[in-house]
Amino acid sequence: MAALDVLFREHGIMGVGHTDLLQTAPADRPRNSEGMIGWMRDGFGGLRLYTYRKNISGSAMAKGDLVSRRFEVETNQTGTVATSITGSTTADDHIGSLAIVHDDAGGAGAAPEGEASIVASNTATVWTLEGDLPFSAALASGDDITFVGPKVVDAAANDPNYVVCGIAMSTPADDEWGWFQFQGLHPAAAHTAVACVAGSALKAGAAALAVYGDATAVVGGTAGTGIAYVVAVQVAIHGSDVVTTKSPVVMQLLGSYL
């Protein structure tokens, strides 16, 4: 366990025998099932949950960093069939992703707008859907697609809770695999220097937790203000002068995994 994790020593087992939370693995040799979930009972009797994901942020992550699932929008895709999507992305990064048609080019809401499927494979230009899950109608060139990835993660960036993945337990380099905590008490989560009190709701900032509704949030019912942006709760007072910008928090993302 990490040095700062000594307060919450492991009192149970992970979902996989002999799993090390600090262990990372190269892109082509994951040590656990992709996207799997593990658990641990900490020293205070609380349940802590983790998921195994690959870092595709382009750089190494630090322990305590807040990460999000790959959430990508392909504006004006050019495919014209019901079984694949055409655009520009990174090969293999979207395997297993949810593909949602969120806008049709005609602007009339015609099918397949509002429909979703699963990506079976993807090259740098084509996402191929699962054979038994085609859209009900062919896409039109100019349709817009949202992709939500189940296995790969990037740095969090003011994302809602159903996109946020959890807190890095290790230091996976780009394209490496590692464990990320999404539920329960975490002793040293990356945190902004904004002061908050015990029990404060927290949202996703830039690779760190931030106070929900602080001065950086957008008000008026737009980005960062809906209840779906709460991802954690502050355990104790966090001062604005904390040099380490780390803080104990209770992660509350289980509902997004159910």
C-alpha atoms as a PDB file:
ATOM      1  CA  MET A   1       0.000   0.000   0.000  1.00  0.00           C
ATOM      2  CA  ALA A   2       1.048   3.623  -0.461  1.00  0.00           C
ATOM      3  CA  ALA A   3       2.770   5.399   2.415  1.00  0.00           C
ATOM      4  CA  LEU A   4      -0.221   7.667   2.976  1.00  0.00           C
ATOM      5  CA  ASP A   5      -2.529   4.657   2.890  1.00  0.00           C
ATOM      6  CA  VAL A   6      -1.204   3.419   6.231  1.00  0.00           C
ATOM      7  CA  LEU A   7      -4.220   5.022   7.946  1.00  0.00           C
ATOM      8  CA  PHE A   8      -6.539   2.761   5.990  1.00  0.00           C
ATOM      9  CA  ARG A   9      -4.677  -0.534   5.922  1.00  0.00           C
ATOM     10  CA  GLU A  10      -6.117  -3.404   3.976  1.00  0.00           C
ATOM     11  CA  HIS A  11      -8.293  -5.713   6.102  1.00  0.00           C
ATOM     12  CA  GLY A  12      -9.777  -7.744   3.273  1.00  0.00           C
ATOM     13  CA  ILE A  13      -8.876  -8.975  -0.183  1.00  0.00           C
ATOM     14  CA  MET A  14      -9.131  -7.595  -3.670  1.00  0.00           C
ATOM     15  CA  GLY A  15     -11.446  -9.205  -6.198  1.00  0.00           C
ATOM     16  CA  VAL A  16      -8.364 -10.836  -7.710  1.00  0.00           C
ATOM     17  CA  GLY A  17      -5.966 -12.799  -5.500  1.00  0.00           C
ATOM     18  CA  HIS A  18      -2.604 -11.169  -4.743  1.00  0.00           C
ATOM     19  CA  THR A  19      -3.438  -7.948  -6.567  1.00  0.00           C
ATOM     20  CA  ASP A  20      -1.176  -4.972  -5.815  1.00  0.00           C
ATOM     21  CA  LEU A  21      -2.927  -1.595  -6.012  1.00  0.00           C
ATOM     22  CA  LEU A  22       0.375   0.115  -6.808  1.00  0.00           C
ATOM     23  CA  GLN A  23       1.176  -2.185  -9.697  1.00  0.00           C
ATOM     24  CA  THR A  24       1.168  -0.880 -13.254  1.00  0.00           C
ATOM     25  CA  ALA A  25       1.384  -2.865 -16.476  1.00  0.00           C
ATOM     26  CA  PRO A  26       2.326  -2.101 -20.104  1.00  0.00           C
ATOM     27  CA  ALA A  27      -0.371  -1.597 -22.739  1.00  0.00           C
ATOM     28  CA  ASP A  28      -0.030  -5.066 -24.254  1.00  0.00           C
ATOM     29  CA  ARG A  29       0.243  -6.997 -20.967  1.00  0.00           C
ATOM     30  CA  PRO A  30      -2.508  -6.015 -18.497  1.00  0.00           C
ATOM     31  CA  ARG A  31      -2.236  -8.063 -15.294  1.00  0.00           C
ATOM     32  CA  ASN A  32      -5.972  -8.093 -14.638  1.00  0.00           C
ATOM     33  CA  SER A  33      -9.139  -8.188 -16.716  1.00  0.00           C
ATOM     34  CA  GLU A  34      -9.695  -4.908 -18.560  1.00  0.00           C
ATOM     35  CA  GLY A  35     -12.164  -2.681 -16.716  1.00  0.00           C
ATOM     36  CA  MET A  36     -12.588  -5.159 -13.856  1.00  0.00           C
ATOM     37  CA  ILE A  37     -13.678  -4.099 -10.351  1.00  0.00           C
ATOM     38  CA  GLY A  38     -11.905  -5.028  -7.114  1.00  0.00           C
ATOM     39  CA  TRP A  39     -12.717  -4.338  -3.473  1.00  0.00           C
ATOM     40  CA  MET A  40     -11.090  -3.895  -0.099  1.00  0.00           C
ATOM     41  CA  ARG A  41     -12.297  -3.363   3.486  1.00  0.00           C
ATOM     42  CA  ASP A  42     -10.221  -0.638   5.117  1.00  0.00           C
ATOM     43  CA  GLY A  43      -9.142  -0.246   8.743  1.00  0.00           C
ATOM     44  CA  PHE A  44     -12.303   1.692   9.602  1.00  0.00           C
ATOM     45  CA  GLY A  45     -14.601  -1.030   8.297  1.00  0.00           C
ATOM     46  CA  GLY A  46     -15.438   0.890   5.154  1.00  0.00           C
ATOM     47  CA  LEU A  47     -15.725  -0.564   1.668  1.00  0.00           C
ATOM     48  CA  ARG A  48     -13.341   0.747  -0.964  1.00  0.00           C
ATOM     49  CA  LEU A  49     -13.873  -0.113  -4.637  1.00  0.00           C
ATOM     50  CA  TYR A  50     -11.407   0.040  -7.531  1.00  0.00           C
ATOM     51  CA  THR A  51     -11.404  -0.434 -11.271  1.00  0.00           C
ATOM     52  CA  TYR A  52      -8.585  -1.505 -13.618  1.00  0.00           C
ATOM     53  CA  ARG A  53      -8.087   0.874 -16.560  1.00  0.00           C
ATOM     54  CA  LYS A  54      -5.525   2.062 -19.122  1.00  0.00           C
ATOM     55  CA  ASN A  55      -4.097   5.585 -19.106  1.00  0.00           C
ATOM     56  CA  ILE A  56      -4.371   7.224 -22.536  1.00  0.00           C
ATOM     57  CA  SER A  57      -3.836  10.819 -21.380  1.00  0.00           C
ATOM     58  CA  GLY A  58      -0.554  11.234 -23.250  1.00  0.00           C
ATOM     59  CA  SER A  59       1.541  11.489 -20.084  1.00  0.00           C
ATOM     60  CA  ALA A  60       2.132   9.723 -16.763  1.00  0.00           C
ATOM     61  CA  MET A  61      -0.452  10.083 -14.007  1.00  0.00           C
ATOM     62  CA  ALA A  62       0.435  10.824 -10.384  1.00  0.00           C
ATOM     63  CA  LYS A  63      -0.928   9.044  -7.319  1.00  0.00           C
ATOM     64  CA  GLY A  64      -4.093  10.796  -6.236  1.00  0.00           C
ATOM     65  CA  ASP A  65      -4.927  12.250  -9.668  1.00  0.00           C
ATOM     66  CA  LEU A  66      -8.589  12.297 -10.599  1.00  0.00           C
ATOM     67  CA  VAL A  67      -9.323  10.613 -13.937  1.00  0.00           C
ATOM     68  CA  SER A  68     -12.303  10.227 -16.255  1.00  0.00           C
ATOM     69  CA  ARG A  69     -13.465   7.678 -18.770  1.00  0.00           C
ATOM     70  CA  ARG A  70     -12.648   8.442 -22.401  1.00  0.00           C
ATOM     71  CA  PHE A  71     -15.525  10.723 -23.428  1.00  0.00           C
ATOM     72  CA  GLU A  72     -15.157  11.787 -27.034  1.00  0.00           C
ATOM     73  CA  VAL A  73     -17.459  13.600 -29.446  1.00  0.00           C
ATOM     74  CA  GLU A  74     -17.124  12.992 -33.177  1.00  0.00           C
ATOM     75  CA  THR A  75     -18.737  15.982 -34.857  1.00  0.00           C
ATOM     76  CA  ASN A  76     -19.884  15.544 -38.457  1.00  0.00           C
ATOM     77  CA  GLN A  77     -18.940  11.900 -38.937  1.00  0.00           C
ATOM     78  CA  THR A  78     -19.017  10.892 -42.604  1.00  0.00           C
ATOM     79  CA  GLY A  79     -20.272   7.287 -42.620  1.00  0.00           C
ATOM     80  CA  THR A  80     -23.516   6.351 -44.393  1.00  0.00           C
ATOM     81  CA  VAL A  81     -24.296   2.868 -43.016  1.00  0.00           C
ATOM     82  CA  ALA A  82     -25.976   1.518 -39.867  1.00  0.00           C
ATOM     83  CA  THR A  83     -23.072  -0.718 -38.828  1.00  0.00           C
ATOM     84  CA  SER A  84     -20.114   1.666 -38.529  1.00  0.00           C
ATOM     85  CA  ILE A  85     -19.066   5.261 -37.923  1.00  0.00           C
ATOM     86  CA  THR A  86     -16.395   7.169 -39.846  1.00  0.00           C
ATOM     87  CA  GLY A  87     -14.203   9.958 -38.503  1.00  0.00           C
ATOM     88  CA  SER A  88     -10.837  10.453 -36.823  1.00  0.00           C
ATOM     89  CA  THR A  89      -9.604   8.861 -33.574  1.00  0.00           C
ATOM     90  CA  THR A  90      -6.921   6.581 -32.128  1.00  0.00           C
ATOM     91  CA  ALA A  91      -6.933   2.934 -33.182  1.00  0.00           C
ATOM     92  CA  ASP A  92      -8.222   0.456 -30.571  1.00  0.00           C
ATOM     93  CA  ASP A  93      -8.960   3.096 -27.894  1.00  0.00           C
ATOM     94  CA  HIS A  94     -12.737   2.748 -28.305  1.00  0.00           C
ATOM     95  CA  ILE A  95     -13.190  -1.027 -28.201  1.00  0.00           C
ATOM     96  CA  GLY A  96     -16.245  -1.690 -26.028  1.00  0.00           C
ATOM     97  CA  SER A  97     -17.271   1.980 -25.997  1.00  0.00           C
ATOM     98  CA  LEU A  98     -20.872   3.133 -25.951  1.00  0.00           C
ATOM     99  CA  ALA A  99     -21.616   5.014 -29.205  1.00  0.00           C
ATOM    100  CA  ILE A 100     -24.549   7.439 -28.976  1.00  0.00           C
ATOM    101  CA  VAL A 101     -25.985   9.334 -31.938  1.00  0.00           C
ATOM    102  CA  HIS A 102     -26.786  12.652 -30.284  1.00  0.00           C
ATOM    103  CA  ASP A 103     -27.651  14.738 -33.344  1.00  0.00           C
ATOM    104  CA  ASP A 104     -28.680  14.022 -36.917  1.00  0.00           C
ATOM    105  CA  ALA A 105     -27.410  16.199 -39.736  1.00  0.00           C
ATOM    106  CA  GLY A 106     -30.906  16.983 -40.964  1.00  0.00           C
ATOM    107  CA  GLY A 107     -31.841  18.667 -37.697  1.00  0.00           C
ATOM    108  CA  ALA A 108     -35.219  16.892 -37.523  1.00  0.00           C
ATOM    109  CA  GLY A 109     -34.329  14.282 -34.896  1.00  0.00           C
ATOM    110  CA  ALA A 110     -34.734  11.431 -37.367  1.00  0.00           C
ATOM    111  CA  ALA A 111     -33.415   7.930 -36.645  1.00  0.00           C
ATOM    112  CA  PRO A 112     -30.843   6.999 -35.569  1.00  0.00           C
ATOM    113  CA  GLU A 113     -30.669  10.138 -33.394  1.00  0.00           C
ATOM    114  CA  GLY A 114     -31.008   9.106 -29.745  1.00  0.00           C
ATOM    115  CA  GLU A 115     -29.906   5.516 -30.414  1.00  0.00           C
ATOM    116  CA  ALA A 116     -26.839   3.780 -28.969  1.00  0.00           C
ATOM    117  CA  SER A 117     -24.667   0.808 -29.859  1.00  0.00           C
ATOM    118  CA  ILE A 118     -21.360  -0.788 -28.781  1.00  0.00           C
ATOM    119  CA  VAL A 119     -18.052  -0.454 -30.630  1.00  0.00           C
ATOM    120  CA  ALA A 120     -16.623  -3.885 -31.473  1.00  0.00           C
ATOM    121  CA  SER A 121     -13.371  -2.534 -32.980  1.00  0.00           C
ATOM    122  CA  ASN A 122     -11.925   0.687 -34.295  1.00  0.00           C
ATOM    123  CA  THR A 123      -9.155   1.840 -36.589  1.00  0.00           C
ATOM    124  CA  ALA A 124      -7.916   5.431 -36.754  1.00  0.00           C
ATOM    125  CA  THR A 125     -10.847   6.285 -39.029  1.00  0.00           C
ATOM    126  CA  VAL A 126     -13.664   3.726 -38.578  1.00  0.00           C
ATOM    127  CA  TRP A 127     -15.586   2.500 -35.546  1.00  0.00           C
ATOM    128  CA  THR A 128     -17.229  -0.877 -36.319  1.00  0.00           C
ATOM    129  CA  LEU A 129     -20.332  -1.660 -34.229  1.00  0.00           C
ATOM    130  CA  GLU A 130     -21.265  -5.027 -32.712  1.00  0.00           C
ATOM    131  CA  GLY A 131     -22.846  -7.105 -35.465  1.00  0.00           C
ATOM    132  CA  ASP A 132     -26.105  -7.687 -33.568  1.00  0.00           C
ATOM    133  CA  LEU A 133     -26.442  -4.029 -32.501  1.00  0.00           C
ATOM    134  CA  PRO A 134     -26.708  -1.922 -35.660  1.00  0.00           C
ATOM    135  CA  PHE A 135     -28.562   1.383 -35.625  1.00  0.00           C
ATOM    136  CA  SER A 136     -32.155   1.191 -36.856  1.00  0.00           C
ATOM    137  CA  ALA A 137     -31.284   3.424 -39.821  1.00  0.00           C
ATOM    138  CA  ALA A 138     -28.132   4.339 -41.693  1.00  0.00           C
ATOM    139  CA  LEU A 139     -26.120   7.293 -40.466  1.00  0.00           C
ATOM    140  CA  ALA A 140     -25.947  10.393 -42.620  1.00  0.00           C
ATOM    141  CA  SER A 141     -22.757  12.295 -43.293  1.00  0.00           C
ATOM    142  CA  GLY A 142     -22.707  15.101 -40.740  1.00  0.00           C
ATOM    143  CA  ASP A 143     -24.360  13.174 -37.878  1.00  0.00           C
ATOM    144  CA  ASP A 144     -22.751  13.721 -34.460  1.00  0.00           C
ATOM    145  CA  ILE A 145     -21.683  10.848 -32.178  1.00  0.00           C
ATOM    146  CA  THR A 146     -20.698  10.676 -28.490  1.00  0.00           C
ATOM    147  CA  PHE A 147     -18.373   7.868 -27.359  1.00  0.00           C
ATOM    148  CA  VAL A 148     -18.037   6.774 -23.715  1.00  0.00           C
ATOM    149  CA  GLY A 149     -15.133   4.366 -23.112  1.00  0.00           C
ATOM    150  CA  PRO A 150     -15.327   1.528 -20.540  1.00  0.00           C
ATOM    151  CA  LYS A 151     -11.632   0.618 -20.258  1.00  0.00           C
ATOM    152  CA  VAL A 152      -9.474   3.680 -20.954  1.00  0.00           C
ATOM    153  CA  VAL A 153      -9.082   6.867 -18.918  1.00  0.00           C
ATOM    154  CA  ASP A 154      -7.823  10.421 -19.325  1.00  0.00           C
ATOM    155  CA  ALA A 155      -7.281  13.260 -16.852  1.00  0.00           C
ATOM    156  CA  ALA A 156     -10.556  14.557 -15.408  1.00  0.00           C
ATOM    157  CA  ALA A 157     -11.690  17.931 -16.724  1.00  0.00           C
ATOM    158  CA  ASN A 158     -14.874  19.228 -15.082  1.00  0.00           C
ATOM    159  CA  ASP A 159     -16.760  16.062 -16.034  1.00  0.00           C
ATOM    160  CA  PRO A 160     -20.093  14.782 -14.618  1.00  0.00           C
ATOM    161  CA  ASN A 161     -20.040  11.780 -12.273  1.00  0.00           C
ATOM    162  CA  TYR A 162     -21.056   9.237 -14.914  1.00  0.00           C
ATOM    163  CA  VAL A 163     -17.878  10.149 -16.839  1.00  0.00           C
ATOM    164  CA  VAL A 164     -15.464  10.450 -13.898  1.00  0.00           C
ATOM    165  CA  CYS A 165     -13.659   7.139 -13.293  1.00  0.00           C
ATOM    166  CA  GLY A 166     -11.818   7.533  -9.982  1.00  0.00           C
ATOM    167  CA  ILE A 167      -8.483   8.306  -8.308  1.00  0.00           C
ATOM    168  CA  ALA A 168      -5.149   6.920  -9.505  1.00  0.00           C
ATOM    169  CA  MET A 169      -3.628   4.547  -6.952  1.00  0.00           C
ATOM    170  CA  SER A 170      -0.278   4.359  -8.764  1.00  0.00           C
ATOM    171  CA  THR A 171       1.691   6.218 -11.439  1.00  0.00           C
ATOM    172  CA  PRO A 172       0.787   4.600 -14.773  1.00  0.00           C
ATOM    173  CA  ALA A 173       2.690   6.017 -17.710  1.00  0.00           C
ATOM    174  CA  ASP A 174       0.873   6.771 -20.933  1.00  0.00           C
ATOM    175  CA  ASP A 175      -0.680   3.551 -22.287  1.00  0.00           C
ATOM    176  CA  GLU A 176      -0.011   1.668 -19.028  1.00  0.00           C
ATOM    177  CA  TRP A 177      -2.645  -0.043 -16.888  1.00  0.00           C
ATOM    178  CA  GLY A 178      -3.368   0.691 -13.243  1.00  0.00           C
ATOM    179  CA  TRP A 179      -5.976   0.685 -10.466  1.00  0.00           C
ATOM    180  CA  PHE A 180      -8.325   3.633  -9.805  1.00  0.00           C
ATOM    181  CA  GLN A 181     -10.504   4.047  -6.694  1.00  0.00           C
ATOM    182  CA  PHE A 182     -14.092   5.104  -7.343  1.00  0.00           C
ATOM    183  CA  GLN A 183     -15.874   4.450  -4.030  1.00  0.00           C
ATOM    184  CA  GLY A 184     -15.073   4.875  -0.353  1.00  0.00           C
ATOM    185  CA  LEU A 185     -12.527   6.738   1.739  1.00  0.00           C
ATOM    186  CA  HIS A 186      -9.330   7.812  -0.015  1.00  0.00           C
ATOM    187  CA  PRO A 187      -6.601   9.317   2.188  1.00  0.00           C
ATOM    188  CA  ALA A 188      -4.762  11.539  -0.295  1.00  0.00           C
ATOM    189  CA  ALA A 189      -6.789  12.645  -3.296  1.00  0.00           C
ATOM    190  CA  ALA A 190      -5.437  15.441  -5.469  1.00  0.00           C
ATOM    191  CA  HIS A 191      -7.319  18.563  -4.435  1.00  0.00           C
ATOM    192  CA  THR A 192      -7.440  22.206  -5.439  1.00  0.00           C
ATOM    193  CA  ALA A 193      -6.254  24.787  -2.923  1.00  0.00           C
ATOM    194  CA  VAL A 194      -9.752  26.234  -2.472  1.00  0.00           C
ATOM    195  CA  ALA A 195     -10.822  26.084   1.187  1.00  0.00           C
ATOM    196  CA  CYS A 196     -13.790  23.897   2.128  1.00  0.00           C
ATOM    197  CA  VAL A 197     -15.344  22.417   5.257  1.00  0.00           C
ATOM    198  CA  ALA A 198     -16.061  18.844   6.326  1.00  0.00           C
ATOM    199  CA  GLY A 199     -19.013  17.507   4.384  1.00  0.00           C
ATOM    200  CA  SER A 200     -18.532  19.808   1.402  1.00  0.00           C
ATOM    201  CA  ALA A 201     -19.635  18.322  -1.888  1.00  0.00           C
ATOM    202  CA  LEU A 202     -16.819  17.952  -4.402  1.00  0.00           C
ATOM    203  CA  LYS A 203     -16.779  17.976  -8.194  1.00  0.00           C
ATOM    204  CA  ALA A 204     -14.190  17.142 -10.834  1.00  0.00           C
ATOM    205  CA  GLY A 205     -11.693  19.882 -11.568  1.00  0.00           C
ATOM    206  CA  ALA A 206      -8.614  19.539 -13.781  1.00  0.00           C
ATOM    207  CA  ALA A 207      -7.160  16.145 -12.729  1.00  0.00           C
ATOM    208  CA  ALA A 208      -8.162  16.994  -9.137  1.00  0.00           C
ATOM    209  CA  LEU A 209     -11.196  17.346  -6.905  1.00  0.00           C
ATOM    210  CA  ALA A 210     -12.648  20.830  -6.512  1.00  0.00           C
ATOM    211  CA  VAL A 211     -15.354  22.331  -4.316  1.00  0.00           C
ATOM    212  CA  TYR A 212     -18.786  21.936  -5.875  1.00  0.00           C
ATOM    213  CA  GLY A 213     -20.151  25.400  -6.585  1.00  0.00           C
ATOM    214  CA  ASP A 214     -16.860  27.231  -5.991  1.00  0.00           C
ATOM    215  CA  ALA A 215     -15.864  30.348  -7.918  1.00  0.00           C
ATOM    216  CA  THR A 216     -14.665  28.328 -10.899  1.00  0.00           C
ATOM    217  CA  ALA A 217     -18.034  26.672 -11.469  1.00  0.00           C
ATOM    218  CA  VAL A 218     -20.323  27.940 -14.198  1.00  0.00           C
ATOM    219  CA  VAL A 219     -23.623  29.103 -12.705  1.00  0.00           C
ATOM    220  CA  GLY A 220     -27.086  29.370 -14.218  1.00  0.00           C
ATOM    221  CA  GLY A 221     -27.826  25.679 -14.659  1.00  0.00           C
ATOM    222  CA  THR A 222     -25.019  25.013 -17.113  1.00  0.00           C
ATOM    223  CA  ALA A 223     -21.730  23.098 -16.890  1.00  0.00           C
ATOM    224  CA  GLY A 224     -20.579  22.113 -13.419  1.00  0.00           C
ATOM    225  CA  THR A 225     -23.724  22.938 -11.446  1.00  0.00           C
ATOM    226  CA  GLY A 226     -26.084  19.963 -11.840  1.00  0.00           C
ATOM    227  CA  ILE A 227     -26.333  17.313  -9.122  1.00  0.00           C
ATOM    228  CA  ALA A 228     -24.636  14.866 -11.513  1.00  0.00           C
ATOM    229  CA  TYR A 229     -21.401  16.824 -11.011  1.00  0.00           C
ATOM    230  CA  VAL A 230     -20.994  15.760  -7.361  1.00  0.00           C
ATOM    231  CA  VAL A 231     -18.364  12.993  -7.253  1.00  0.00           C
ATOM    232  CA  ALA A 232     -17.103  12.988  -3.644  1.00  0.00           C
ATOM    233  CA  VAL A 233     -17.475  14.449  -0.135  1.00  0.00           C
ATOM    234  CA  GLN A 234     -14.830  16.245   1.938  1.00  0.00           C
ATOM    235  CA  VAL A 235     -13.855  14.376   5.151  1.00  0.00           C
ATOM    236  CA  ALA A 236     -12.285  17.261   7.130  1.00  0.00           C
ATOM    237  CA  ILE A 237     -11.572  20.953   6.679  1.00  0.00           C
ATOM    238  CA  HIS A 238      -9.289  21.620   3.704  1.00  0.00           C
ATOM    239  CA  GLY A 239      -7.468  24.932   3.960  1.00  0.00           C
ATOM    240  CA  SER A 240      -6.689  27.137   0.999  1.00  0.00           C
ATOM    241  CA  ASP A 241      -3.038  27.206   2.127  1.00  0.00           C
ATOM    242  CA  VAL A 242      -2.476  23.425   1.994  1.00  0.00           C
ATOM    243  CA  VAL A 243       0.867  23.085   0.214  1.00  0.00           C
ATOM    244  CA  THR A 244       0.492  19.434  -0.805  1.00  0.00           C
ATOM    245  CA  THR A 245      -3.003  19.989  -2.271  1.00  0.00           C
ATOM    246  CA  LYS A 246      -3.915  16.481  -1.103  1.00  0.00           C
ATOM    247  CA  SER A 247      -6.866  15.675   1.123  1.00  0.00           C
ATOM    248  CA  PRO A 248      -8.896  12.728   2.516  1.00  0.00           C
ATOM    249  CA  VAL A 249     -12.227  12.392   0.699  1.00  0.00           C
ATOM    250  CA  VAL A 250     -15.041   9.882   0.361  1.00  0.00           C
ATOM    251  CA  MET A 251     -15.492   8.975  -3.297  1.00  0.00           C
ATOM    252  CA  GLN A 252     -19.135   8.459  -4.298  1.00  0.00           C
ATOM    253  CA  LEU A 253     -19.172   7.037  -7.812  1.00  0.00           C
ATOM    254  CA  LEU A 254     -20.698   3.611  -7.190  1.00  0.00           C
ATOM    255  CA  GLY A 255     -24.056   4.708  -8.606  1.00  0.00           C
ATOM    256  CA  SER A 256     -22.351   5.496 -11.894  1.00  0.00           C
ATOM    257  CA  TYR A 257     -20.990   1.948 -12.084  1.00  0.00           C
ATOM    258  CA  LEU A 258     -24.288   0.148 -11.414  1.00  0.00           C
END
